[in-house]
Amino acid sequence: QPEWLTRRLAEAPRAPFSLYQQIGSWEDRPFDLSPGVSHLVANRHFR
C-alpha cells in the first residue's frame, strides 16, 4: 500500500519534533517508481 509513513504517523505516539514540509505544485503526477500516487497529494495527506 502507498503512504506507509503517513499511516505510521497516524498510529504512533506523537513525537516531540517540529516539521518544515515543502512540496512543489508541479509534482502533481504519480512518480514512475510509485504508480498511481501523486507526490503532491501524498504530501498534502501527510500534512
ModelCIF file with pLDDT and N, C-alpha, C, O atoms, coordinates in Angstrom:
data_MODEL
#
_entry.id   MODEL 
#
_entity.id                         1 
_entity.type                       polymer 
_entity.pdbx_number_of_molecules   1 
#
_entity_poly.entity_id                      1 
_entity_poly.type                           'polypeptide(L)' 
_entity_poly.nstd_linkage                   no 
_entity_poly.nstd_monomer                   no 
_entity_poly.pdbx_seq_one_letter_code       QPEWLTRRLAEAPRAPFSLYQQIGSWEDRPFDLSPGVSHLVANRHFR 
_entity_poly.pdbx_seq_one_letter_code_can   QPEWLTRRLAEAPRAPFSLYQQIGSWEDRPFDLSPGVSHLVANRHFR 
_entity_poly.pdbx_strand_id                 A 
#
loop_
_entity_poly_seq.entity_id 
_entity_poly_seq.num 
_entity_poly_seq.mon_id 
_entity_poly_seq.hetero 
1 1  GLN n 
1 2  PRO n 
1 3  GLU n 
1 4  TRP n 
1 5  LEU n 
1 6  THR n 
1 7  ARG n 
1 8  ARG n 
1 9  LEU n 
1 10 ALA n 
1 11 GLU n 
1 12 ALA n 
1 13 PRO n 
1 14 ARG n 
1 15 ALA n 
1 16 PRO n 
1 17 PHE n 
1 18 SER n 
1 19 LEU n 
1 20 TYR n 
1 21 GLN n 
1 22 GLN n 
1 23 ILE n 
1 24 GLY n 
1 25 SER n 
1 26 TRP n 
1 27 GLU n 
1 28 ASP n 
1 29 ARG n 
1 30 PRO n 
1 31 PHE n 
1 32 ASP n 
1 33 LEU n 
1 34 SER n 
1 35 PRO n 
1 36 GLY n 
1 37 VAL n 
1 38 SER n 
1 39 HIS n 
1 40 LEU n 
1 41 VAL n 
1 42 ALA n 
1 43 ASN n 
1 44 ARG n 
1 45 HIS n 
1 46 PHE n 
1 47 ARG n 
#
_struct_asym.id          A 
_struct_asym.entity_id   1 
#
loop_
_ma_qa_metric.id 
_ma_qa_metric.mode 
_ma_qa_metric.name 
_ma_qa_metric.software_group_id 
_ma_qa_metric.type 
1 global pLDDT . pLDDT 
2 local  pLDDT . pLDDT 
#
_ma_qa_metric_global.metric_id      1 
_ma_qa_metric_global.metric_value   91.40 
_ma_qa_metric_global.model_id       1 
_ma_qa_metric_global.ordinal_id     1 
#
loop_
_ma_qa_metric_local.label_asym_id 
_ma_qa_metric_local.label_comp_id 
_ma_qa_metric_local.label_seq_id 
_ma_qa_metric_local.metric_id 
_ma_qa_metric_local.metric_value 
_ma_qa_metric_local.model_id 
_ma_qa_metric_local.ordinal_id 
A GLN 1  2 91.00 1 1  
A PRO 2  2 92.00 1 2  
A GLU 3  2 95.00 1 3  
A TRP 4  2 96.00 1 4  
A LEU 5  2 98.00 1 5  
A THR 6  2 98.00 1 6  
A ARG 7  2 98.00 1 7  
A ARG 8  2 97.00 1 8  
A LEU 9  2 98.00 1 9  
A ALA 10 2 98.00 1 10 
A GLU 11 2 97.00 1 11 
A ALA 12 2 96.00 1 12 
A PRO 13 2 96.00 1 13 
A ARG 14 2 97.00 1 14 
A ALA 15 2 97.00 1 15 
A PRO 16 2 97.00 1 16 
A PHE 17 2 98.00 1 17 
A SER 18 2 98.00 1 18 
A LEU 19 2 98.00 1 19 
A TYR 20 2 98.00 1 20 
A GLN 21 2 98.00 1 21 
A GLN 22 2 98.00 1 22 
A ILE 23 2 98.00 1 23 
A GLY 24 2 97.00 1 24 
A SER 25 2 97.00 1 25 
A TRP 26 2 95.00 1 26 
A GLU 27 2 94.00 1 27 
A ASP 28 2 91.00 1 28 
A ARG 29 2 77.00 1 29 
A PRO 30 2 69.00 1 30 
A PHE 31 2 65.00 1 31 
A ASP 32 2 61.00 1 32 
A LEU 33 2 63.00 1 33 
A SER 34 2 66.00 1 34 
A PRO 35 2 68.00 1 35 
A GLY 36 2 78.00 1 36 
A VAL 37 2 86.00 1 37 
A SER 38 2 92.00 1 38 
A HIS 39 2 93.00 1 39 
A LEU 40 2 96.00 1 40 
A VAL 41 2 95.00 1 41 
A ALA 42 2 96.00 1 42 
A ASN 43 2 98.00 1 43 
A ARG 44 2 98.00 1 44 
A HIS 45 2 98.00 1 45 
A PHE 46 2 98.00 1 46 
A ARG 47 2 98.00 1 47 
#
loop_
_atom_site.group_PDB 
_atom_site.id 
_atom_site.type_symbol 
_atom_site.label_atom_id 
_atom_site.label_alt_id 
_atom_site.label_comp_id 
_atom_site.label_asym_id 
_atom_site.label_entity_id 
_atom_site.label_seq_id 
_atom_site.pdbx_PDB_ins_code 
_atom_site.Cartn_x 
_atom_site.Cartn_y 
_atom_site.Cartn_z 
_atom_site.occupancy 
_atom_site.B_iso_or_equiv 
_atom_site.pdbx_formal_charge 
_atom_site.auth_seq_id 
_atom_site.auth_comp_id 
_atom_site.auth_asym_id 
_atom_site.auth_atom_id 
_atom_site.pdbx_PDB_model_num 
ATOM 1   N N  . GLN A 1 1  ? 0.847  -1.188 0.000   1.00 91.00 ? 1  GLN A N  1 
ATOM 2   C CA . GLN A 1 1  ? 0.000  0.000  0.000   1.00 91.00 ? 1  GLN A CA 1 
ATOM 3   C C  . GLN A 1 1  ? 0.888  1.246  0.000   1.00 91.00 ? 1  GLN A C  1 
ATOM 4   O O  . GLN A 1 1  ? 1.993  1.217  0.541   1.00 91.00 ? 1  GLN A O  1 
ATOM 5   N N  . PRO A 1 2  ? 0.416  2.328  -0.598  1.00 92.00 ? 2  PRO A N  1 
ATOM 6   C CA . PRO A 1 2  ? 1.222  3.559  -0.588  1.00 92.00 ? 2  PRO A CA 1 
ATOM 7   C C  . PRO A 1 2  ? 1.151  4.269  0.756   1.00 92.00 ? 2  PRO A C  1 
ATOM 8   O O  . PRO A 1 2  ? 0.350  3.912  1.621   1.00 92.00 ? 2  PRO A O  1 
ATOM 9   N N  . GLU A 1 3  ? 2.005  5.286  0.920   1.00 95.00 ? 3  GLU A N  1 
ATOM 10  C CA . GLU A 1 3  ? 1.965  6.214  2.053   1.00 95.00 ? 3  GLU A CA 1 
ATOM 11  C C  . GLU A 1 3  ? 2.111  5.506  3.398   1.00 95.00 ? 3  GLU A C  1 
ATOM 12  O O  . GLU A 1 3  ? 1.326  5.737  4.318   1.00 95.00 ? 3  GLU A O  1 
ATOM 13  N N  . TRP A 1 4  ? 3.116  4.646  3.504   1.00 96.00 ? 4  TRP A N  1 
ATOM 14  C CA . TRP A 1 4  ? 3.324  3.883  4.731   1.00 96.00 ? 4  TRP A CA 1 
ATOM 15  C C  . TRP A 1 4  ? 3.617  4.798  5.918   1.00 96.00 ? 4  TRP A C  1 
ATOM 16  O O  . TRP A 1 4  ? 3.066  4.591  6.999   1.00 96.00 ? 4  TRP A O  1 
ATOM 17  N N  . LEU A 1 5  ? 4.476  5.809  5.741   1.00 98.00 ? 5  LEU A N  1 
ATOM 18  C CA . LEU A 1 5  ? 4.854  6.639  6.876   1.00 98.00 ? 5  LEU A CA 1 
ATOM 19  C C  . LEU A 1 5  ? 3.680  7.487  7.366   1.00 98.00 ? 5  LEU A C  1 
ATOM 20  O O  . LEU A 1 5  ? 3.570  7.748  8.564   1.00 98.00 ? 5  LEU A O  1 
ATOM 21  N N  . THR A 1 6  ? 2.821  7.912  6.476   1.00 98.00 ? 6  THR A N  1 
ATOM 22  C CA . THR A 1 6  ? 1.627  8.656  6.898   1.00 98.00 ? 6  THR A CA 1 
ATOM 23  C C  . THR A 1 6  ? 0.730  7.772  7.758   1.00 98.00 ? 6  THR A C  1 
ATOM 24  O O  . THR A 1 6  ? 0.186  8.223  8.766   1.00 98.00 ? 6  THR A O  1 
ATOM 25  N N  . ARG A 1 7  ? 0.580  6.526  7.361   1.00 98.00 ? 7  ARG A N  1 
ATOM 26  C CA . ARG A 1 7  ? -0.210 5.598  8.176   1.00 98.00 ? 7  ARG A CA 1 
ATOM 27  C C  . ARG A 1 7  ? 0.470  5.344  9.517   1.00 98.00 ? 7  ARG A C  1 
ATOM 28  O O  . ARG A 1 7  ? -0.204 5.227  10.541  1.00 98.00 ? 7  ARG A O  1 
ATOM 29  N N  . ARG A 1 8  ? 1.789  5.259  9.519   1.00 97.00 ? 8  ARG A N  1 
ATOM 30  C CA . ARG A 1 8  ? 2.541  5.088  10.755  1.00 97.00 ? 8  ARG A CA 1 
ATOM 31  C C  . ARG A 1 8  ? 2.388  6.314  11.651  1.00 97.00 ? 8  ARG A C  1 
ATOM 32  O O  . ARG A 1 8  ? 2.236  6.179  12.865  1.00 97.00 ? 8  ARG A O  1 
ATOM 33  N N  . LEU A 1 9  ? 2.427  7.510  11.059  1.00 98.00 ? 9  LEU A N  1 
ATOM 34  C CA . LEU A 1 9  ? 2.266  8.744  11.824  1.00 98.00 ? 9  LEU A CA 1 
ATOM 35  C C  . LEU A 1 9  ? 0.909  8.791  12.518  1.00 98.00 ? 9  LEU A C  1 
ATOM 36  O O  . LEU A 1 9  ? 0.798  9.275  13.644  1.00 98.00 ? 9  LEU A O  1 
ATOM 37  N N  . ALA A 1 10 ? -0.109 8.293  11.850  1.00 98.00 ? 10 ALA A N  1 
ATOM 38  C CA . ALA A 1 10 ? -1.462 8.310  12.416  1.00 98.00 ? 10 ALA A CA 1 
ATOM 39  C C  . ALA A 1 10 ? -1.597 7.397  13.622  1.00 98.00 ? 10 ALA A C  1 
ATOM 40  O O  . ALA A 1 10 ? -2.439 7.628  14.489  1.00 98.00 ? 10 ALA A O  1 
ATOM 41  N N  . GLU A 1 11 ? -0.762 6.352  13.680  1.00 97.00 ? 11 GLU A N  1 
ATOM 42  C CA . GLU A 1 11 ? -0.915 5.341  14.731  1.00 97.00 ? 11 GLU A CA 1 
ATOM 43  C C  . GLU A 1 11 ? 0.080  5.496  15.875  1.00 97.00 ? 11 GLU A C  1 
ATOM 44  O O  . GLU A 1 11 ? -0.241 5.155  17.013  1.00 97.00 ? 11 GLU A O  1 
ATOM 45  N N  . ALA A 1 12 ? 1.268  5.998  15.602  1.00 96.00 ? 12 ALA A N  1 
ATOM 46  C CA . ALA A 1 12 ? 2.327  6.044  16.604  1.00 96.00 ? 12 ALA A CA 1 
ATOM 47  C C  . ALA A 1 12 ? 2.086  7.168  17.612  1.00 96.00 ? 12 ALA A C  1 
ATOM 48  O O  . ALA A 1 12 ? 1.430  8.158  17.286  1.00 96.00 ? 12 ALA A O  1 
ATOM 49  N N  . PRO A 1 13 ? 2.609  7.026  18.835  1.00 96.00 ? 13 PRO A N  1 
ATOM 50  C CA . PRO A 1 13 ? 2.554  8.143  19.781  1.00 96.00 ? 13 PRO A CA 1 
ATOM 51  C C  . PRO A 1 13 ? 3.212  9.383  19.179  1.00 96.00 ? 13 PRO A C  1 
ATOM 52  O O  . PRO A 1 13 ? 4.212  9.279  18.468  1.00 96.00 ? 13 PRO A O  1 
ATOM 53  N N  . ARG A 1 14 ? 2.653  10.544 19.464  1.00 97.00 ? 14 ARG A N  1 
ATOM 54  C CA . ARG A 1 14 ? 3.183  11.771 18.881  1.00 97.00 ? 14 ARG A CA 1 
ATOM 55  C C  . ARG A 1 14 ? 4.598  12.021 19.390  1.00 97.00 ? 14 ARG A C  1 
ATOM 56  O O  . ARG A 1 14 ? 4.844  12.016 20.596  1.00 97.00 ? 14 ARG A O  1 
ATOM 57  N N  . ALA A 1 15 ? 5.526  12.239 18.457  1.00 97.00 ? 15 ALA A N  1 
ATOM 58  C CA . ALA A 1 15 ? 6.922  12.513 18.799  1.00 97.00 ? 15 ALA A CA 1 
ATOM 59  C C  . ALA A 1 15 ? 7.130  14.023 18.908  1.00 97.00 ? 15 ALA A C  1 
ATOM 60  O O  . ALA A 1 15 ? 6.495  14.785 18.179  1.00 97.00 ? 15 ALA A O  1 
ATOM 61  N N  . PRO A 1 16 ? 8.010  14.465 19.807  1.00 97.00 ? 16 PRO A N  1 
ATOM 62  C CA . PRO A 1 16 ? 8.172  15.909 20.051  1.00 97.00 ? 16 PRO A CA 1 
ATOM 63  C C  . PRO A 1 16 ? 9.122  16.590 19.076  1.00 97.00 ? 16 PRO A C  1 
ATOM 64  O O  . PRO A 1 16 ? 10.173 17.086 19.482  1.00 97.00 ? 16 PRO A O  1 
ATOM 65  N N  . PHE A 1 17 ? 8.764  16.620 17.794  1.00 98.00 ? 17 PHE A N  1 
ATOM 66  C CA . PHE A 1 17 ? 9.580  17.365 16.840  1.00 98.00 ? 17 PHE A CA 1 
ATOM 67  C C  . PHE A 1 17 ? 8.705  18.289 16.009  1.00 98.00 ? 17 PHE A C  1 
ATOM 68  O O  . PHE A 1 17 ? 7.524  18.020 15.791  1.00 98.00 ? 17 PHE A O  1 
ATOM 69  N N  . SER A 1 18 ? 9.302  19.383 15.551  1.00 98.00 ? 18 SER A N  1 
ATOM 70  C CA . SER A 1 18 ? 8.628  20.323 14.660  1.00 98.00 ? 18 SER A CA 1 
ATOM 71  C C  . SER A 1 18 ? 9.049  20.013 13.232  1.00 98.00 ? 18 SER A C  1 
ATOM 72  O O  . SER A 1 18 ? 10.121 19.456 12.995  1.00 98.00 ? 18 SER A O  1 
ATOM 73  N N  . LEU A 1 19 ? 8.193  20.378 12.283  1.00 98.00 ? 19 LEU A N  1 
ATOM 74  C CA . LEU A 1 19 ? 8.429  19.988 10.895  1.00 98.00 ? 19 LEU A CA 1 
ATOM 75  C C  . LEU A 1 19 ? 8.219  21.167 9.956   1.00 98.00 ? 19 LEU A C  1 
ATOM 76  O O  . LEU A 1 19 ? 7.199  21.853 10.010  1.00 98.00 ? 19 LEU A O  1 
ATOM 77  N N  . TYR A 1 20 ? 9.208  21.386 9.094   1.00 98.00 ? 20 TYR A N  1 
ATOM 78  C CA . TYR A 1 20 ? 9.018  22.236 7.919   1.00 98.00 ? 20 TYR A CA 1 
ATOM 79  C C  . TYR A 1 20 ? 8.855  21.292 6.737   1.00 98.00 ? 20 TYR A C  1 
ATOM 80  O O  . TYR A 1 20 ? 9.734  20.477 6.456   1.00 98.00 ? 20 TYR A O  1 
ATOM 81  N N  . GLN A 1 21 ? 7.725  21.407 6.048   1.00 98.00 ? 21 GLN A N  1 
ATOM 82  C CA . GLN A 1 21 ? 7.405  20.490 4.947   1.00 98.00 ? 21 GLN A CA 1 
ATOM 83  C C  . GLN A 1 21 ? 7.151  21.289 3.683   1.00 98.00 ? 21 GLN A C  1 
ATOM 84  O O  . GLN A 1 21 ? 6.227  22.101 3.629   1.00 98.00 ? 21 GLN A O  1 
ATOM 85  N N  . GLN A 1 22 ? 7.971  21.058 2.667   1.00 98.00 ? 22 GLN A N  1 
ATOM 86  C CA . GLN A 1 22 ? 7.807  21.734 1.379   1.00 98.00 ? 22 GLN A CA 1 
ATOM 87  C C  . GLN A 1 22 ? 7.452  20.722 0.305   1.00 98.00 ? 22 GLN A C  1 
ATOM 88  O O  . GLN A 1 22 ? 7.901  19.577 0.335   1.00 98.00 ? 22 GLN A O  1 
ATOM 89  N N  . ILE A 1 23 ? 6.635  21.166 -0.649  1.00 98.00 ? 23 ILE A N  1 
ATOM 90  C CA . ILE A 1 23 ? 6.310  20.363 -1.829  1.00 98.00 ? 23 ILE A CA 1 
ATOM 91  C C  . ILE A 1 23 ? 6.022  21.324 -2.979  1.00 98.00 ? 23 ILE A C  1 
ATOM 92  O O  . ILE A 1 23 ? 5.577  22.451 -2.763  1.00 98.00 ? 23 ILE A O  1 
ATOM 93  N N  . GLY A 1 24 ? 6.279  20.870 -4.194  1.00 97.00 ? 24 GLY A N  1 
ATOM 94  C CA . GLY A 1 24 ? 6.022  21.693 -5.364  1.00 97.00 ? 24 GLY A CA 1 
ATOM 95  C C  . GLY A 1 24 ? 4.675  21.392 -5.986  1.00 97.00 ? 24 GLY A C  1 
ATOM 96  O O  . GLY A 1 24 ? 4.281  20.230 -6.086  1.00 97.00 ? 24 GLY A O  1 
ATOM 97  N N  . SER A 1 25 ? 3.973  22.417 -6.401  1.00 97.00 ? 25 SER A N  1 
ATOM 98  C CA . SER A 1 25 ? 2.660  22.212 -7.016  1.00 97.00 ? 25 SER A CA 1 
ATOM 99  C C  . SER A 1 25 ? 2.774  21.527 -8.377  1.00 97.00 ? 25 SER A C  1 
ATOM 100 O O  . SER A 1 25 ? 1.789  20.984 -8.877  1.00 97.00 ? 25 SER A O  1 
ATOM 101 N N  . TRP A 1 26 ? 3.975  21.548 -8.989  1.00 95.00 ? 26 TRP A N  1 
ATOM 102 C CA . TRP A 1 26 ? 4.176  20.839 -10.253 1.00 95.00 ? 26 TRP A CA 1 
ATOM 103 C C  . TRP A 1 26 ? 4.458  19.355 -10.047 1.00 95.00 ? 26 TRP A C  1 
ATOM 104 O O  . TRP A 1 26 ? 4.664  18.621 -11.013 1.00 95.00 ? 26 TRP A O  1 
ATOM 105 N N  . GLU A 1 27 ? 4.466  18.914 -8.794  1.00 94.00 ? 27 GLU A N  1 
ATOM 106 C CA . GLU A 1 27 ? 4.697  17.499 -8.501  1.00 94.00 ? 27 GLU A CA 1 
ATOM 107 C C  . GLU A 1 27 ? 3.373  16.749 -8.364  1.00 94.00 ? 27 GLU A C  1 
ATOM 108 O O  . GLU A 1 27 ? 3.222  15.889 -7.496  1.00 94.00 ? 27 GLU A O  1 
ATOM 109 N N  . ASP A 1 28 ? 2.437  17.078 -9.214  1.00 91.00 ? 28 ASP A N  1 
ATOM 110 C CA . ASP A 1 28 ? 1.082  16.554 -9.066  1.00 91.00 ? 28 ASP A CA 1 
ATOM 111 C C  . ASP A 1 28 ? 0.802  15.328 -9.916  1.00 91.00 ? 28 ASP A C  1 
ATOM 112 O O  . ASP A 1 28 ? -0.359 14.964 -10.110 1.00 91.00 ? 28 ASP A O  1 
ATOM 113 N N  . ARG A 1 29 ? 1.837  14.688 -10.425 1.00 77.00 ? 29 ARG A N  1 
ATOM 114 C CA . ARG A 1 29 ? 1.625  13.445 -11.152 1.00 77.00 ? 29 ARG A CA 1 
ATOM 115 C C  . ARG A 1 29 ? 2.273  12.305 -10.374 1.00 77.00 ? 29 ARG A C  1 
ATOM 116 O O  . ARG A 1 29 ? 3.162  12.545 -9.557  1.00 77.00 ? 29 ARG A O  1 
ATOM 117 N N  . PRO A 1 30 ? 1.840  11.069 -10.616 1.00 69.00 ? 30 PRO A N  1 
ATOM 118 C CA . PRO A 1 30 ? 2.469  9.938  -9.931  1.00 69.00 ? 30 PRO A CA 1 
ATOM 119 C C  . PRO A 1 30 ? 3.931  9.799  -10.317 1.00 69.00 ? 30 PRO A C  1 
ATOM 120 O O  . PRO A 1 30 ? 4.303  10.070 -11.459 1.00 69.00 ? 30 PRO A O  1 
ATOM 121 N N  . PHE A 1 31 ? 4.755  9.383  -9.378  1.00 65.00 ? 31 PHE A N  1 
ATOM 122 C CA . PHE A 1 31 ? 6.135  9.076  -9.667  1.00 65.00 ? 31 PHE A CA 1 
ATOM 123 C C  . PHE A 1 31 ? 6.227  7.765  -10.429 1.00 65.00 ? 31 PHE A C  1 
ATOM 124 O O  . PHE A 1 31 ? 5.412  6.862  -10.241 1.00 65.00 ? 31 PHE A O  1 
ATOM 125 N N  . ASP A 1 32 ? 7.225  7.675  -11.288 1.00 61.00 ? 32 ASP A N  1 
ATOM 126 C CA . ASP A 1 32 ? 7.416  6.438  -12.037 1.00 61.00 ? 32 ASP A CA 1 
ATOM 127 C C  . ASP A 1 32 ? 7.654  5.251  -11.112 1.00 61.00 ? 32 ASP A C  1 
ATOM 128 O O  . ASP A 1 32 ? 7.297  4.121  -11.443 1.00 61.00 ? 32 ASP A O  1 
ATOM 129 N N  . LEU A 1 33 ? 8.258  5.507  -9.950  1.00 63.00 ? 33 LEU A N  1 
ATOM 130 C CA . LEU A 1 33 ? 8.563  4.437  -9.012  1.00 63.00 ? 33 LEU A CA 1 
ATOM 131 C C  . LEU A 1 33 ? 7.419  4.151  -8.052  1.00 63.00 ? 33 LEU A C  1 
ATOM 132 O O  . LEU A 1 33 ? 7.534  3.256  -7.215  1.00 63.00 ? 33 LEU A O  1 
ATOM 133 N N  . SER A 1 34 ? 6.324  4.884  -8.152  1.00 66.00 ? 34 SER A N  1 
ATOM 134 C CA . SER A 1 34 ? 5.159  4.632  -7.310  1.00 66.00 ? 34 SER A CA 1 
ATOM 135 C C  . SER A 1 34 ? 3.897  4.892  -8.120  1.00 66.00 ? 34 SER A C  1 
ATOM 136 O O  . SER A 1 34 ? 3.236  5.912  -7.928  1.00 66.00 ? 34 SER A O  1 
ATOM 137 N N  . PRO A 1 35 ? 3.558  3.975  -9.024  1.00 68.00 ? 35 PRO A N  1 
ATOM 138 C CA . PRO A 1 35 ? 2.432  4.197  -9.946  1.00 68.00 ? 35 PRO A CA 1 
ATOM 139 C C  . PRO A 1 35 ? 1.131  4.497  -9.201  1.00 68.00 ? 35 PRO A C  1 
ATOM 140 O O  . PRO A 1 35 ? 0.788  3.845  -8.214  1.00 68.00 ? 35 PRO A O  1 
ATOM 141 N N  . GLY A 1 36 ? 0.421  5.505  -9.709  1.00 78.00 ? 36 GLY A N  1 
ATOM 142 C CA . GLY A 1 36 ? -0.894 5.818  -9.175  1.00 78.00 ? 36 GLY A CA 1 
ATOM 143 C C  . GLY A 1 36 ? -0.913 6.752  -7.989  1.00 78.00 ? 36 GLY A C  1 
ATOM 144 O O  . GLY A 1 36 ? -1.991 7.115  -7.519  1.00 78.00 ? 36 GLY A O  1 
ATOM 145 N N  . VAL A 1 37 ? 0.254  7.160  -7.482  1.00 86.00 ? 37 VAL A N  1 
ATOM 146 C CA . VAL A 1 37 ? 0.301  8.002  -6.290  1.00 86.00 ? 37 VAL A CA 1 
ATOM 147 C C  . VAL A 1 37 ? 0.899  9.360  -6.650  1.00 86.00 ? 37 VAL A C  1 
ATOM 148 O O  . VAL A 1 37 ? 2.045  9.437  -7.092  1.00 86.00 ? 37 VAL A O  1 
ATOM 149 N N  . SER A 1 38 ? 0.140  10.410 -6.465  1.00 92.00 ? 38 SER A N  1 
ATOM 150 C CA . SER A 1 38 ? 0.626  11.757 -6.723  1.00 92.00 ? 38 SER A CA 1 
ATOM 151 C C  . SER A 1 38 ? 1.524  12.212 -5.583  1.00 92.00 ? 38 SER A C  1 
ATOM 152 O O  . SER A 1 38 ? 1.150  12.137 -4.413  1.00 92.00 ? 38 SER A O  1 
ATOM 153 N N  . HIS A 1 39 ? 2.703  12.680 -5.938  1.00 93.00 ? 39 HIS A N  1 
ATOM 154 C CA . HIS A 1 39 ? 3.645  13.191 -4.937  1.00 93.00 ? 39 HIS A CA 1 
ATOM 155 C C  . HIS A 1 39 ? 3.030  14.348 -4.157  1.00 93.00 ? 39 HIS A C  1 
ATOM 156 O O  . HIS A 1 39 ? 3.170  14.422 -2.936  1.00 93.00 ? 39 HIS A O  1 
ATOM 157 N N  . LEU A 1 40 ? 2.353  15.243 -4.856  1.00 96.00 ? 40 LEU A N  1 
ATOM 158 C CA . LEU A 1 40 ? 1.724  16.393 -4.224  1.00 96.00 ? 40 LEU A CA 1 
ATOM 159 C C  . LEU A 1 40 ? 0.607  15.966 -3.283  1.00 96.00 ? 40 LEU A C  1 
ATOM 160 O O  . LEU A 1 40 ? 0.545  16.426 -2.143  1.00 96.00 ? 40 LEU A O  1 
ATOM 161 N N  . VAL A 1 41 ? -0.267 15.097 -3.748  1.00 95.00 ? 41 VAL A N  1 
ATOM 162 C CA . VAL A 1 41 ? -1.394 14.651 -2.921  1.00 95.00 ? 41 VAL A CA 1 
ATOM 163 C C  . VAL A 1 41 ? -0.890 13.898 -1.691  1.00 95.00 ? 41 VAL A C  1 
ATOM 164 O O  . VAL A 1 41 ? -1.442 14.058 -0.603  1.00 95.00 ? 41 VAL A O  1 
ATOM 165 N N  . ALA A 1 42 ? 0.152  13.077 -1.850  1.00 96.00 ? 42 ALA A N  1 
ATOM 166 C CA . ALA A 1 42 ? 0.709  12.345 -0.718  1.00 96.00 ? 42 ALA A CA 1 
ATOM 167 C C  . ALA A 1 42 ? 1.249  13.308 0.336   1.00 96.00 ? 42 ALA A C  1 
ATOM 168 O O  . ALA A 1 42 ? 1.102  13.057 1.532   1.00 96.00 ? 42 ALA A O  1 
ATOM 169 N N  . ASN A 1 43 ? 1.877  14.416 -0.096  1.00 98.00 ? 43 ASN A N  1 
ATOM 170 C CA . ASN A 1 43 ? 2.370  15.404 0.862   1.00 98.00 ? 43 ASN A CA 1 
ATOM 171 C C  . ASN A 1 43 ? 1.229  16.134 1.551   1.00 98.00 ? 43 ASN A C  1 
ATOM 172 O O  . ASN A 1 43 ? 1.297  16.400 2.751   1.00 98.00 ? 43 ASN A O  1 
ATOM 173 N N  . ARG A 1 44 ? 0.195  16.454 0.813   1.00 98.00 ? 44 ARG A N  1 
ATOM 174 C CA . ARG A 1 44 ? -0.953 17.117 1.440   1.00 98.00 ? 44 ARG A CA 1 
ATOM 175 C C  . ARG A 1 44 ? -1.612 16.194 2.464   1.00 98.00 ? 44 ARG A C  1 
ATOM 176 O O  . ARG A 1 44 ? -2.056 16.647 3.519   1.00 98.00 ? 44 ARG A O  1 
ATOM 177 N N  . HIS A 1 45 ? -1.674 14.904 2.151   1.00 98.00 ? 45 HIS A N  1 
ATOM 178 C CA . HIS A 1 45 ? -2.259 13.948 3.085   1.00 98.00 ? 45 HIS A CA 1 
ATOM 179 C C  . HIS A 1 45 ? -1.409 13.850 4.349   1.00 98.00 ? 45 HIS A C  1 
ATOM 180 O O  . HIS A 1 45 ? -1.940 13.849 5.460   1.00 98.00 ? 45 HIS A O  1 
ATOM 181 N N  . PHE A 1 46 ? -0.084 13.769 4.177   1.00 98.00 ? 46 PHE A N  1 
ATOM 182 C CA . PHE A 1 46 ? 0.801  13.719 5.339   1.00 98.00 ? 46 PHE A CA 1 
ATOM 183 C C  . PHE A 1 46 ? 0.615  14.976 6.194   1.00 98.00 ? 46 PHE A C  1 
ATOM 184 O O  . PHE A 1 46 ? 0.537  14.886 7.419   1.00 98.00 ? 46 PHE A O  1 
ATOM 185 N N  . ARG A 1 47 ? 0.546  16.139 5.557   1.00 98.00 ? 47 ARG A N  1 
ATOM 186 C CA . ARG A 1 47 ? 0.324  17.398 6.289   1.00 98.00 ? 47 ARG A CA 1 
ATOM 187 C C  . ARG A 1 47 ? -0.940 17.332 7.122   1.00 98.00 ? 47 ARG A C  1 
ATOM 188 O O  . ARG A 1 47 ? -1.283 18.299 7.802   1.00 98.00 ? 47 ARG A O  1 
#
